[in-house]
N, C-alpha and C. Protein backbone atom coordinates (compact mmCIF):
# COMPACT_ATOMS: atom_id res chain seq x y z
N MET A 1 -2.35 40.33 0.79
CA MET A 1 -2.52 41.23 -0.34
C MET A 1 -3.86 40.95 -1.00
N GLU A 2 -4.55 42.00 -1.35
CA GLU A 2 -5.92 41.88 -1.86
C GLU A 2 -6.01 41.00 -3.09
N ILE A 3 -5.00 41.03 -3.95
CA ILE A 3 -5.04 40.25 -5.18
C ILE A 3 -5.19 38.76 -4.90
N LEU A 4 -4.68 38.28 -3.77
CA LEU A 4 -4.75 36.86 -3.46
C LEU A 4 -6.17 36.40 -3.20
N GLU A 5 -7.07 37.32 -2.88
CA GLU A 5 -8.45 36.98 -2.59
C GLU A 5 -9.33 37.04 -3.84
N LYS A 6 -8.79 37.50 -4.95
CA LYS A 6 -9.58 37.63 -6.17
C LYS A 6 -9.64 36.31 -6.91
N HIS A 7 -10.61 36.21 -7.80
CA HIS A 7 -10.79 34.99 -8.58
C HIS A 7 -11.12 35.35 -10.03
N TYR A 8 -11.23 34.34 -10.84
CA TYR A 8 -11.54 34.48 -12.27
C TYR A 8 -12.77 35.36 -12.50
N PRO A 9 -12.76 36.22 -13.51
CA PRO A 9 -11.64 36.56 -14.40
C PRO A 9 -10.71 37.59 -13.75
N PHE A 10 -9.42 37.39 -13.95
CA PHE A 10 -8.41 38.27 -13.35
C PHE A 10 -8.13 39.47 -14.26
N GLN A 11 -7.86 40.61 -13.63
CA GLN A 11 -7.56 41.84 -14.35
C GLN A 11 -6.32 42.49 -13.76
N CYS A 12 -5.62 43.26 -14.58
CA CYS A 12 -4.48 44.04 -14.09
C CYS A 12 -4.94 45.05 -13.05
N ASP A 13 -4.15 45.20 -12.01
CA ASP A 13 -4.41 46.27 -11.05
C ASP A 13 -4.15 47.62 -11.71
N GLU A 14 -4.99 48.59 -11.41
CA GLU A 14 -4.71 49.95 -11.86
C GLU A 14 -3.58 50.54 -11.03
N LEU A 15 -2.80 51.39 -11.66
CA LEU A 15 -1.66 52.01 -10.98
C LEU A 15 -2.06 53.35 -10.37
N SER A 16 -1.39 53.71 -9.31
CA SER A 16 -1.64 54.99 -8.65
C SER A 16 -0.75 56.09 -9.22
N PHE A 17 -0.01 55.78 -10.27
CA PHE A 17 0.91 56.74 -10.89
C PHE A 17 0.91 56.51 -12.39
N GLY A 18 1.40 57.49 -13.12
CA GLY A 18 1.51 57.36 -14.57
C GLY A 18 2.83 56.73 -14.96
N TYR A 19 2.89 56.16 -16.15
CA TYR A 19 4.12 55.53 -16.60
C TYR A 19 5.28 56.53 -16.64
N ILE A 20 4.99 57.73 -17.08
CA ILE A 20 6.06 58.73 -17.20
C ILE A 20 6.55 59.20 -15.84
N ASP A 21 5.75 58.99 -14.80
CA ASP A 21 6.13 59.43 -13.46
C ASP A 21 7.34 58.68 -12.93
N MET A 22 7.65 57.52 -13.51
CA MET A 22 8.77 56.72 -13.03
C MET A 22 10.12 57.20 -13.56
N GLU A 23 10.08 58.08 -14.55
CA GLU A 23 11.34 58.59 -15.11
C GLU A 23 12.02 59.53 -14.10
N PRO A 24 13.34 59.56 -14.09
CA PRO A 24 14.27 58.93 -15.04
C PRO A 24 14.69 57.52 -14.67
N HIS A 25 14.14 56.96 -13.60
CA HIS A 25 14.63 55.67 -13.11
C HIS A 25 14.14 54.51 -13.96
N LEU A 26 12.91 54.59 -14.44
CA LEU A 26 12.37 53.65 -15.42
C LEU A 26 11.66 54.46 -16.49
N ASP A 27 11.89 54.13 -17.74
CA ASP A 27 11.30 54.90 -18.83
C ASP A 27 9.84 54.51 -19.04
N ALA A 28 9.08 55.44 -19.61
CA ALA A 28 7.65 55.23 -19.80
C ALA A 28 7.37 54.06 -20.73
N ASP A 29 8.21 53.84 -21.74
CA ASP A 29 7.99 52.72 -22.66
C ASP A 29 8.10 51.39 -21.93
N THR A 30 9.11 51.26 -21.08
CA THR A 30 9.26 50.02 -20.30
C THR A 30 8.06 49.82 -19.39
N MET A 31 7.62 50.87 -18.72
CA MET A 31 6.48 50.76 -17.82
C MET A 31 5.23 50.35 -18.57
N TYR A 32 5.02 50.93 -19.74
CA TYR A 32 3.84 50.59 -20.54
C TYR A 32 3.89 49.12 -20.97
N ILE A 33 5.01 48.71 -21.52
CA ILE A 33 5.14 47.31 -21.96
C ILE A 33 4.95 46.35 -20.79
N HIS A 34 5.57 46.69 -19.68
CA HIS A 34 5.51 45.80 -18.52
C HIS A 34 4.10 45.67 -17.98
N HIS A 35 3.40 46.79 -17.86
CA HIS A 35 2.07 46.78 -17.26
C HIS A 35 0.99 46.38 -18.25
N GLN A 36 0.96 47.02 -19.40
CA GLN A 36 -0.14 46.84 -20.35
C GLN A 36 0.03 45.63 -21.26
N GLN A 37 1.22 45.13 -21.39
CA GLN A 37 1.44 43.98 -22.26
C GLN A 37 1.82 42.73 -21.47
N VAL A 38 2.90 42.80 -20.69
CA VAL A 38 3.35 41.60 -19.98
C VAL A 38 2.38 41.21 -18.87
N TYR A 39 2.09 42.12 -17.96
CA TYR A 39 1.17 41.84 -16.86
C TYR A 39 -0.22 41.51 -17.40
N GLN A 40 -0.68 42.28 -18.36
CA GLN A 40 -1.99 42.02 -18.96
C GLN A 40 -2.03 40.64 -19.60
N ARG A 41 -0.95 40.26 -20.28
CA ARG A 41 -0.91 38.95 -20.91
C ARG A 41 -0.96 37.83 -19.87
N GLU A 42 -0.31 38.04 -18.72
CA GLU A 42 -0.38 37.03 -17.66
C GLU A 42 -1.82 36.82 -17.21
N CYS A 43 -2.55 37.92 -17.03
CA CYS A 43 -3.96 37.81 -16.63
C CYS A 43 -4.78 37.10 -17.70
N GLU A 44 -4.58 37.48 -18.95
CA GLU A 44 -5.34 36.88 -20.04
C GLU A 44 -5.01 35.40 -20.20
N THR A 45 -3.75 35.04 -20.03
CA THR A 45 -3.35 33.63 -20.15
C THR A 45 -3.98 32.80 -19.04
N LEU A 46 -3.95 33.32 -17.82
CA LEU A 46 -4.57 32.60 -16.71
C LEU A 46 -6.06 32.45 -16.93
N ASN A 47 -6.72 33.51 -17.38
CA ASN A 47 -8.15 33.43 -17.66
C ASN A 47 -8.45 32.41 -18.75
N ALA A 48 -7.60 32.34 -19.77
CA ALA A 48 -7.82 31.39 -20.86
C ALA A 48 -7.72 29.95 -20.36
N PHE A 49 -6.76 29.68 -19.48
CA PHE A 49 -6.67 28.34 -18.91
C PHE A 49 -7.92 28.01 -18.10
N LEU A 50 -8.38 28.98 -17.32
CA LEU A 50 -9.53 28.74 -16.45
C LEU A 50 -10.84 28.68 -17.22
N ASP A 51 -10.87 29.24 -18.43
CA ASP A 51 -12.05 29.09 -19.29
C ASP A 51 -12.42 27.63 -19.46
N ASP A 52 -11.41 26.77 -19.49
CA ASP A 52 -11.61 25.34 -19.74
C ASP A 52 -11.85 24.54 -18.47
N TRP A 53 -11.76 25.20 -17.32
CA TRP A 53 -11.91 24.47 -16.05
C TRP A 53 -12.87 25.24 -15.14
N GLU A 54 -14.15 25.03 -15.35
CA GLU A 54 -15.17 25.77 -14.61
C GLU A 54 -15.03 25.57 -13.11
N LYS A 55 -14.61 24.38 -12.70
CA LYS A 55 -14.52 24.11 -11.26
C LYS A 55 -13.44 24.96 -10.58
N LEU A 56 -12.51 25.51 -11.37
CA LEU A 56 -11.45 26.34 -10.80
C LEU A 56 -11.78 27.83 -10.83
N GLN A 57 -12.88 28.19 -11.44
CA GLN A 57 -13.18 29.61 -11.62
C GLN A 57 -13.58 30.31 -10.32
N SER A 58 -13.96 29.53 -9.32
CA SER A 58 -14.28 30.12 -8.02
C SER A 58 -13.08 30.11 -7.08
N PHE A 59 -11.98 29.52 -7.51
CA PHE A 59 -10.77 29.49 -6.69
C PHE A 59 -10.16 30.90 -6.62
N THR A 60 -9.69 31.27 -5.45
CA THR A 60 -8.94 32.51 -5.33
C THR A 60 -7.56 32.32 -5.95
N LEU A 61 -6.89 33.43 -6.18
CA LEU A 61 -5.53 33.34 -6.71
C LEU A 61 -4.64 32.55 -5.75
N LEU A 62 -4.84 32.74 -4.45
CA LEU A 62 -4.07 31.98 -3.47
C LEU A 62 -4.35 30.49 -3.60
N ASP A 63 -5.60 30.11 -3.81
CA ASP A 63 -5.94 28.70 -4.03
C ASP A 63 -5.20 28.15 -5.24
N LEU A 64 -5.20 28.90 -6.33
CA LEU A 64 -4.56 28.44 -7.56
C LEU A 64 -3.07 28.25 -7.37
N ILE A 65 -2.47 29.07 -6.53
CA ILE A 65 -1.04 28.96 -6.27
C ILE A 65 -0.73 27.79 -5.35
N GLN A 66 -1.56 27.57 -4.33
CA GLN A 66 -1.20 26.65 -3.26
C GLN A 66 -1.84 25.27 -3.36
N LYS A 67 -3.05 25.18 -3.86
CA LYS A 67 -3.80 23.93 -3.74
C LYS A 67 -3.45 22.93 -4.84
N ASP A 68 -3.75 21.67 -4.55
CA ASP A 68 -3.76 20.63 -5.57
C ASP A 68 -5.02 20.85 -6.40
N LEU A 69 -4.85 21.19 -7.67
CA LEU A 69 -5.99 21.62 -8.49
C LEU A 69 -6.79 20.47 -9.07
N GLN A 70 -6.28 19.26 -8.95
CA GLN A 70 -7.01 18.08 -9.44
C GLN A 70 -7.32 18.18 -10.93
N VAL A 71 -6.33 18.62 -11.69
CA VAL A 71 -6.42 18.64 -13.15
C VAL A 71 -5.15 17.98 -13.67
N PRO A 72 -5.10 17.62 -14.96
CA PRO A 72 -3.90 16.99 -15.50
C PRO A 72 -2.64 17.81 -15.20
N THR A 73 -1.54 17.11 -15.00
CA THR A 73 -0.30 17.73 -14.52
C THR A 73 0.16 18.89 -15.39
N VAL A 74 0.13 18.71 -16.70
CA VAL A 74 0.61 19.78 -17.58
C VAL A 74 -0.23 21.04 -17.42
N GLN A 75 -1.56 20.87 -17.40
CA GLN A 75 -2.44 22.03 -17.22
C GLN A 75 -2.22 22.68 -15.86
N GLU A 76 -2.03 21.85 -14.83
CA GLU A 76 -1.82 22.41 -13.50
C GLU A 76 -0.53 23.23 -13.45
N GLN A 77 0.51 22.73 -14.07
CA GLN A 77 1.78 23.47 -14.09
C GLN A 77 1.62 24.82 -14.78
N TRP A 78 0.91 24.86 -15.90
CA TRP A 78 0.72 26.12 -16.61
C TRP A 78 -0.16 27.08 -15.82
N ILE A 79 -1.21 26.56 -15.18
CA ILE A 79 -2.08 27.41 -14.37
C ILE A 79 -1.29 28.03 -13.22
N LYS A 80 -0.50 27.22 -12.53
CA LYS A 80 0.28 27.73 -11.41
C LYS A 80 1.35 28.71 -11.87
N HIS A 81 1.93 28.45 -13.04
CA HIS A 81 2.91 29.38 -13.60
C HIS A 81 2.26 30.74 -13.86
N SER A 82 1.09 30.74 -14.48
CA SER A 82 0.40 31.99 -14.78
C SER A 82 -0.10 32.67 -13.51
N ALA A 83 -0.61 31.88 -12.56
CA ALA A 83 -1.08 32.45 -11.30
C ALA A 83 0.07 33.11 -10.56
N GLY A 84 1.23 32.47 -10.57
CA GLY A 84 2.40 33.08 -9.95
C GLY A 84 2.80 34.37 -10.63
N GLY A 85 2.68 34.41 -11.96
CA GLY A 85 3.00 35.63 -12.69
C GLY A 85 2.05 36.76 -12.38
N VAL A 86 0.76 36.45 -12.25
CA VAL A 86 -0.22 37.47 -11.91
C VAL A 86 0.06 38.03 -10.52
N PHE A 87 0.30 37.15 -9.56
CA PHE A 87 0.57 37.62 -8.20
C PHE A 87 1.86 38.43 -8.13
N SER A 88 2.91 37.91 -8.75
CA SER A 88 4.21 38.58 -8.66
C SER A 88 4.16 39.97 -9.29
N HIS A 89 3.49 40.09 -10.44
CA HIS A 89 3.38 41.41 -11.07
C HIS A 89 2.52 42.35 -10.24
N SER A 90 1.45 41.84 -9.65
CA SER A 90 0.63 42.67 -8.78
C SER A 90 1.46 43.20 -7.62
N ALA A 91 2.26 42.32 -7.00
CA ALA A 91 3.10 42.72 -5.88
C ALA A 91 4.18 43.71 -6.31
N TYR A 92 4.73 43.50 -7.50
CA TYR A 92 5.77 44.39 -8.02
C TYR A 92 5.24 45.82 -8.17
N PHE A 93 4.12 45.96 -8.86
CA PHE A 93 3.59 47.30 -9.10
C PHE A 93 3.03 47.91 -7.82
N ALA A 94 2.48 47.08 -6.92
CA ALA A 94 1.97 47.61 -5.65
C ALA A 94 3.08 48.15 -4.78
N GLY A 95 4.29 47.68 -5.00
CA GLY A 95 5.42 48.11 -4.19
C GLY A 95 6.12 49.35 -4.69
N MET A 96 5.59 49.96 -5.75
CA MET A 96 6.25 51.11 -6.36
C MET A 96 5.44 52.39 -6.17
N GLY A 97 6.15 53.51 -6.20
CA GLY A 97 5.53 54.82 -6.14
C GLY A 97 6.38 55.81 -6.90
N ILE A 98 5.94 57.04 -6.97
CA ILE A 98 6.70 58.05 -7.70
C ILE A 98 8.04 58.28 -7.00
N PRO A 99 9.07 58.72 -7.72
CA PRO A 99 10.38 58.94 -7.10
C PRO A 99 10.30 59.89 -5.92
N GLY A 100 11.20 59.67 -4.97
CA GLY A 100 11.28 60.54 -3.81
C GLY A 100 10.45 60.07 -2.63
N GLN A 101 10.14 58.77 -2.58
CA GLN A 101 9.38 58.23 -1.46
C GLN A 101 10.19 58.34 -0.17
N ARG A 102 9.49 58.53 0.92
CA ARG A 102 10.14 58.62 2.23
C ARG A 102 10.72 57.27 2.61
N LEU A 103 11.92 57.26 3.16
CA LEU A 103 12.56 56.02 3.58
C LEU A 103 11.84 55.46 4.80
N PRO A 104 11.92 54.14 5.01
CA PRO A 104 11.18 53.53 6.12
C PRO A 104 11.75 53.94 7.47
N ASP A 105 10.89 54.47 8.34
CA ASP A 105 11.34 54.87 9.66
C ASP A 105 10.45 54.31 10.76
N GLY A 106 9.53 53.40 10.38
CA GLY A 106 8.66 52.75 11.35
C GLY A 106 9.21 51.38 11.73
N PRO A 107 8.34 50.48 12.20
CA PRO A 107 8.78 49.15 12.62
C PRO A 107 9.52 48.38 11.53
N LEU A 108 9.10 48.50 10.28
CA LEU A 108 9.81 47.79 9.21
C LEU A 108 11.22 48.34 9.05
N GLY A 109 11.35 49.64 9.03
CA GLY A 109 12.67 50.23 8.93
C GLY A 109 13.57 49.82 10.08
N GLN A 110 12.98 49.72 11.27
CA GLN A 110 13.76 49.32 12.45
C GLN A 110 14.25 47.88 12.34
N VAL A 111 13.38 46.99 11.90
CA VAL A 111 13.79 45.58 11.83
C VAL A 111 14.77 45.35 10.69
N ILE A 112 14.65 46.13 9.60
CA ILE A 112 15.66 46.04 8.53
C ILE A 112 17.02 46.44 9.07
N GLN A 113 17.07 47.54 9.82
CA GLN A 113 18.34 47.97 10.39
C GLN A 113 18.88 46.97 11.40
N ALA A 114 17.99 46.38 12.21
CA ALA A 114 18.42 45.40 13.21
C ALA A 114 18.97 44.15 12.55
N THR A 115 18.37 43.76 11.42
CA THR A 115 18.75 42.52 10.76
C THR A 115 19.97 42.68 9.87
N TYR A 116 20.03 43.80 9.15
CA TYR A 116 21.07 43.97 8.13
C TYR A 116 22.10 45.04 8.47
N GLY A 117 21.96 45.68 9.62
CA GLY A 117 22.93 46.68 10.05
C GLY A 117 22.57 48.09 9.67
N SER A 118 22.01 48.27 8.49
CA SER A 118 21.58 49.57 8.02
C SER A 118 20.72 49.37 6.79
N LEU A 119 19.94 50.38 6.44
CA LEU A 119 19.14 50.30 5.22
C LEU A 119 20.05 50.23 4.01
N GLU A 120 21.15 50.97 4.04
CA GLU A 120 22.08 50.95 2.91
C GLU A 120 22.66 49.55 2.70
N ASN A 121 23.02 48.88 3.79
CA ASN A 121 23.56 47.53 3.66
C ASN A 121 22.51 46.57 3.13
N PHE A 122 21.28 46.73 3.60
CA PHE A 122 20.20 45.89 3.06
C PHE A 122 20.06 46.10 1.56
N MET A 123 20.07 47.35 1.12
CA MET A 123 19.93 47.63 -0.31
C MET A 123 21.07 47.01 -1.11
N ASN A 124 22.28 47.07 -0.56
CA ASN A 124 23.42 46.47 -1.26
C ASN A 124 23.26 44.96 -1.37
N LEU A 125 22.85 44.32 -0.29
CA LEU A 125 22.65 42.87 -0.30
C LEU A 125 21.51 42.48 -1.23
N PHE A 126 20.45 43.26 -1.22
CA PHE A 126 19.31 42.99 -2.10
C PHE A 126 19.75 43.12 -3.57
N THR A 127 20.54 44.13 -3.86
CA THR A 127 21.04 44.32 -5.22
C THR A 127 21.94 43.15 -5.63
N GLN A 128 22.77 42.67 -4.71
CA GLN A 128 23.59 41.50 -5.00
C GLN A 128 22.73 40.28 -5.30
N ALA A 129 21.65 40.13 -4.55
CA ALA A 129 20.73 39.01 -4.80
C ALA A 129 20.12 39.14 -6.19
N CYS A 130 19.72 40.35 -6.57
CA CYS A 130 19.16 40.56 -7.91
C CYS A 130 20.18 40.21 -8.98
N GLN A 131 21.42 40.60 -8.76
CA GLN A 131 22.47 40.33 -9.73
C GLN A 131 22.74 38.84 -9.86
N SER A 132 22.51 38.09 -8.80
CA SER A 132 22.84 36.66 -8.81
C SER A 132 21.74 35.79 -9.38
N VAL A 133 20.58 36.36 -9.72
CA VAL A 133 19.52 35.57 -10.33
C VAL A 133 19.99 35.07 -11.69
N LYS A 134 19.94 33.77 -11.87
CA LYS A 134 20.35 33.17 -13.14
C LYS A 134 19.12 32.98 -14.02
N GLY A 135 19.19 33.51 -15.23
CA GLY A 135 18.03 33.44 -16.10
C GLY A 135 17.04 34.51 -15.71
N VAL A 136 15.83 34.10 -15.32
CA VAL A 136 14.79 35.06 -14.93
C VAL A 136 14.24 34.68 -13.57
N GLY A 137 13.70 35.67 -12.87
CA GLY A 137 13.15 35.40 -11.55
C GLY A 137 12.81 36.68 -10.81
N TRP A 138 12.73 36.55 -9.51
CA TRP A 138 12.28 37.64 -8.65
C TRP A 138 13.10 37.63 -7.36
N VAL A 139 13.27 38.80 -6.75
CA VAL A 139 13.86 38.89 -5.42
C VAL A 139 12.86 39.62 -4.52
N TRP A 140 12.56 38.99 -3.39
CA TRP A 140 11.50 39.45 -2.50
C TRP A 140 12.06 39.86 -1.15
N LEU A 141 11.42 40.82 -0.53
CA LEU A 141 11.56 41.08 0.90
C LEU A 141 10.29 40.57 1.55
N VAL A 142 10.42 39.63 2.48
CA VAL A 142 9.25 39.02 3.11
C VAL A 142 9.38 39.13 4.62
N ALA A 143 8.24 39.01 5.29
CA ALA A 143 8.19 38.99 6.74
C ALA A 143 7.69 37.64 7.22
N ASP A 144 8.22 37.18 8.35
CA ASP A 144 7.71 35.95 8.96
C ASP A 144 6.76 36.32 10.09
N PRO A 145 6.01 35.34 10.63
CA PRO A 145 5.00 35.67 11.65
C PRO A 145 5.57 36.28 12.92
N GLU A 146 6.86 36.11 13.19
CA GLU A 146 7.47 36.68 14.38
C GLU A 146 8.01 38.09 14.15
N GLY A 147 7.86 38.58 12.93
CA GLY A 147 8.31 39.93 12.64
C GLY A 147 9.67 40.02 12.00
N GLY A 148 10.33 38.89 11.79
CA GLY A 148 11.61 38.91 11.10
C GLY A 148 11.44 39.19 9.62
N VAL A 149 12.46 39.72 9.01
CA VAL A 149 12.43 39.98 7.57
C VAL A 149 13.54 39.19 6.89
N HIS A 150 13.28 38.78 5.67
CA HIS A 150 14.21 37.93 4.94
C HIS A 150 14.15 38.28 3.46
N MET A 151 15.25 38.02 2.76
CA MET A 151 15.28 38.11 1.31
C MET A 151 15.09 36.71 0.74
N VAL A 152 14.23 36.61 -0.26
CA VAL A 152 13.93 35.33 -0.90
C VAL A 152 14.08 35.50 -2.41
N MET A 153 14.77 34.56 -3.04
CA MET A 153 14.90 34.54 -4.50
C MET A 153 14.04 33.42 -5.06
N THR A 154 13.29 33.71 -6.12
CA THR A 154 12.49 32.69 -6.78
C THR A 154 12.78 32.70 -8.27
N LYS A 155 12.62 31.54 -8.89
CA LYS A 155 12.87 31.38 -10.32
C LYS A 155 11.57 31.48 -11.10
N ASP A 156 11.70 31.89 -12.36
CA ASP A 156 10.56 31.94 -13.28
C ASP A 156 9.40 32.70 -12.63
N ASN A 157 8.23 32.07 -12.49
CA ASN A 157 7.09 32.72 -11.84
C ASN A 157 6.76 32.08 -10.50
N GLN A 158 7.73 31.42 -9.90
CA GLN A 158 7.51 30.87 -8.57
C GLN A 158 7.40 32.00 -7.55
N VAL A 159 6.67 31.73 -6.48
CA VAL A 159 6.48 32.73 -5.43
C VAL A 159 6.95 32.14 -4.10
N PRO A 160 7.20 32.98 -3.09
CA PRO A 160 7.58 32.46 -1.78
C PRO A 160 6.47 31.59 -1.18
N ARG A 161 6.81 30.87 -0.14
CA ARG A 161 5.84 30.02 0.56
C ARG A 161 4.87 30.93 1.32
N LEU A 162 3.73 31.19 0.71
CA LEU A 162 2.80 32.18 1.25
C LEU A 162 2.14 31.73 2.54
N GLU A 163 2.19 30.44 2.84
CA GLU A 163 1.67 29.98 4.12
C GLU A 163 2.66 30.25 5.25
N LEU A 164 3.88 30.65 4.89
CA LEU A 164 4.92 30.87 5.89
C LEU A 164 5.34 32.33 6.02
N VAL A 165 5.25 33.08 4.95
CA VAL A 165 5.75 34.46 4.96
C VAL A 165 4.79 35.37 4.22
N ARG A 166 4.96 36.68 4.45
CA ARG A 166 4.16 37.70 3.78
C ARG A 166 5.08 38.57 2.92
N PRO A 167 4.89 38.60 1.60
CA PRO A 167 5.69 39.49 0.77
C PRO A 167 5.43 40.96 1.10
N LEU A 168 6.51 41.71 1.19
CA LEU A 168 6.43 43.15 1.44
C LEU A 168 6.81 43.95 0.20
N LEU A 169 7.84 43.48 -0.50
CA LEU A 169 8.34 44.11 -1.72
C LEU A 169 8.88 43.03 -2.63
N VAL A 170 8.90 43.30 -3.93
CA VAL A 170 9.54 42.36 -4.86
C VAL A 170 10.07 43.14 -6.05
N ASN A 171 11.22 42.73 -6.53
CA ASN A 171 11.77 43.29 -7.76
C ASN A 171 11.75 42.22 -8.84
N ASP A 172 11.34 42.63 -10.03
CA ASP A 172 11.19 41.74 -11.18
C ASP A 172 12.51 41.68 -11.94
N LEU A 173 13.07 40.48 -12.07
CA LEU A 173 14.34 40.32 -12.78
C LEU A 173 14.17 39.65 -14.13
N TRP A 174 12.94 39.64 -14.66
CA TRP A 174 12.76 39.28 -16.06
C TRP A 174 13.24 40.47 -16.90
N GLU A 175 13.82 40.19 -18.06
CA GLU A 175 14.45 41.25 -18.84
C GLU A 175 13.48 42.33 -19.29
N HIS A 176 12.19 42.00 -19.44
CA HIS A 176 11.25 43.03 -19.87
C HIS A 176 11.15 44.18 -18.87
N SER A 177 11.62 43.96 -17.64
CA SER A 177 11.52 44.97 -16.60
C SER A 177 12.53 46.09 -16.76
N TYR A 178 13.62 45.81 -17.46
CA TYR A 178 14.72 46.78 -17.45
C TYR A 178 15.51 46.91 -18.75
N PHE A 179 15.37 45.96 -19.69
CA PHE A 179 16.33 45.87 -20.79
C PHE A 179 16.33 47.10 -21.69
N LEU A 180 15.16 47.69 -21.95
CA LEU A 180 15.11 48.85 -22.84
C LEU A 180 15.99 49.99 -22.34
N LYS A 181 16.01 50.18 -21.04
CA LYS A 181 16.75 51.31 -20.46
C LYS A 181 18.16 50.92 -20.03
N TYR A 182 18.29 49.74 -19.44
CA TYR A 182 19.55 49.38 -18.79
C TYR A 182 20.35 48.31 -19.53
N GLY A 183 19.80 47.74 -20.58
CA GLY A 183 20.51 46.66 -21.24
C GLY A 183 20.74 45.51 -20.27
N VAL A 184 21.99 45.11 -20.11
CA VAL A 184 22.30 44.00 -19.19
C VAL A 184 22.79 44.51 -17.83
N ASP A 185 22.68 45.80 -17.58
CA ASP A 185 23.18 46.38 -16.33
C ASP A 185 22.13 46.22 -15.22
N VAL A 186 22.05 45.01 -14.70
CA VAL A 186 21.06 44.70 -13.67
C VAL A 186 21.34 45.49 -12.39
N VAL A 187 22.61 45.68 -12.07
CA VAL A 187 22.97 46.38 -10.84
C VAL A 187 22.41 47.80 -10.83
N GLN A 188 22.60 48.54 -11.92
CA GLN A 188 22.09 49.91 -11.97
C GLN A 188 20.57 49.93 -11.94
N TYR A 189 19.95 48.97 -12.63
CA TYR A 189 18.49 48.86 -12.57
C TYR A 189 18.02 48.69 -11.14
N CYS A 190 18.65 47.80 -10.41
CA CYS A 190 18.21 47.54 -9.04
C CYS A 190 18.45 48.74 -8.13
N LYS A 191 19.59 49.40 -8.30
CA LYS A 191 19.87 50.59 -7.49
C LYS A 191 18.82 51.67 -7.74
N ASN A 192 18.46 51.86 -8.99
CA ASN A 192 17.47 52.89 -9.31
C ASN A 192 16.06 52.47 -8.94
N TRP A 193 15.79 51.16 -8.96
CA TRP A 193 14.48 50.67 -8.52
C TRP A 193 14.20 51.09 -7.09
N PHE A 194 15.22 51.12 -6.27
CA PHE A 194 15.02 51.54 -4.88
C PHE A 194 14.55 52.99 -4.78
N GLN A 195 14.79 53.79 -5.81
CA GLN A 195 14.29 55.16 -5.82
C GLN A 195 12.77 55.21 -6.01
N LEU A 196 12.19 54.07 -6.40
CA LEU A 196 10.76 54.00 -6.69
C LEU A 196 9.98 53.19 -5.66
N VAL A 197 10.67 52.63 -4.68
CA VAL A 197 10.00 51.78 -3.70
C VAL A 197 9.05 52.61 -2.83
N ASP A 198 7.83 52.12 -2.70
CA ASP A 198 6.83 52.74 -1.84
C ASP A 198 7.00 52.17 -0.43
N TRP A 199 7.87 52.78 0.34
CA TRP A 199 8.17 52.26 1.67
C TRP A 199 6.98 52.38 2.62
N ALA A 200 6.16 53.40 2.42
CA ALA A 200 4.97 53.54 3.27
C ALA A 200 4.04 52.35 3.07
N GLY A 201 3.88 51.90 1.81
CA GLY A 201 3.07 50.72 1.55
C GLY A 201 3.67 49.48 2.15
N ALA A 202 4.99 49.34 2.07
CA ALA A 202 5.66 48.18 2.67
C ALA A 202 5.49 48.19 4.18
N GLU A 203 5.62 49.36 4.80
CA GLU A 203 5.39 49.48 6.25
C GLU A 203 3.96 49.06 6.59
N ARG A 204 3.01 49.48 5.78
CA ARG A 204 1.62 49.13 6.05
C ARG A 204 1.40 47.62 5.95
N ARG A 205 1.96 46.99 4.92
CA ARG A 205 1.82 45.54 4.79
C ARG A 205 2.47 44.83 5.96
N TYR A 206 3.59 45.33 6.42
CA TYR A 206 4.28 44.73 7.56
C TYR A 206 3.42 44.80 8.81
N ARG A 207 2.85 45.97 9.08
CA ARG A 207 1.99 46.13 10.25
C ARG A 207 0.76 45.23 10.16
N GLU A 208 0.14 45.19 8.99
CA GLU A 208 -1.07 44.38 8.82
C GLU A 208 -0.78 42.90 9.04
N TYR A 209 0.38 42.45 8.61
CA TYR A 209 0.74 41.04 8.76
C TYR A 209 0.92 40.67 10.22
N LEU A 210 1.41 41.61 11.02
CA LEU A 210 1.71 41.32 12.42
C LEU A 210 0.57 41.66 13.37
N ILE A 211 -0.53 42.16 12.84
CA ILE A 211 -1.58 42.68 13.71
C ILE A 211 -2.32 41.59 14.47
N HIS A 212 -2.24 40.36 14.00
CA HIS A 212 -2.99 39.28 14.63
C HIS A 212 -2.27 38.75 15.87
N GLY A 213 -2.06 39.64 16.82
CA GLY A 213 -1.51 39.23 18.10
C GLY A 213 -0.01 39.03 18.11
N THR A 214 0.68 39.32 17.01
CA THR A 214 2.12 39.14 16.96
C THR A 214 2.79 40.43 17.36
N GLU A 215 3.69 40.34 18.34
CA GLU A 215 4.36 41.54 18.85
C GLU A 215 5.32 42.09 17.81
N LEU A 216 5.29 43.38 17.62
CA LEU A 216 6.22 44.02 16.70
C LEU A 216 7.64 43.93 17.26
N PRO A 217 8.62 43.69 16.41
CA PRO A 217 10.00 43.60 16.89
C PRO A 217 10.49 44.95 17.38
N HIS A 218 11.37 44.90 18.35
CA HIS A 218 11.93 46.13 18.89
C HIS A 218 13.21 46.50 18.15
N GLN A 219 13.45 47.79 18.08
CA GLN A 219 14.68 48.24 17.44
C GLN A 219 15.87 47.67 18.20
N GLY A 220 16.83 47.12 17.45
CA GLY A 220 18.02 46.56 18.06
C GLY A 220 17.95 45.07 18.28
N SER A 221 16.79 44.43 18.06
CA SER A 221 16.68 42.99 18.23
C SER A 221 16.87 42.32 16.89
N SER A 222 17.89 41.48 16.77
CA SER A 222 18.21 40.83 15.51
C SER A 222 17.35 39.61 15.31
N ARG A 223 16.89 39.39 14.05
CA ARG A 223 16.07 38.24 13.72
C ARG A 223 16.85 37.22 12.90
N GLU A 224 18.07 37.50 12.58
CA GLU A 224 18.84 36.59 11.76
C GLU A 224 19.85 35.84 12.61
């Protein structure tokens, strides 16, 4: 993902859609708060930490997430927390599009069906994973180098092991993502979030991840 190659100062990604375009599945107020306040604050917080550490200003976002930063432990924990928040929010918004997106029918759609039995079953299991997040966190769909797909749950602003897998989609289970519209009804939020998933973008990320000599999985071959 392009955001992983960026470095200080970090900025919010621009969206390819308007906040109101997400209705009725997500309200414009929630989208505005999430993008312009929460995501923006994550970028500003990370930049503020890096203001004090010039040696880290040339680090990519991936470096900040993965490397030993050689700074005091407390500062390193906060930097990594903010870096994880910037990446996770970038991935969240990059995975969304206006309602009515075409369902996956390429290699990603095939491997989801091979692994989970059907797209509907995958969505149900993904929703169950979202419901089971305790406190705050994220639920990811990731690909491994062999073309398998997996669901990964992370807490707070932690991210999947990026040296091992490639995120394709992620849903944000922090309350700011849904509370204004759905209250505590996480299940309905997750079901409606699937109406906004940009499957074409997820297919593209899947293909790009496997392009380095890795054979695409065949329909009917299970990876689990």
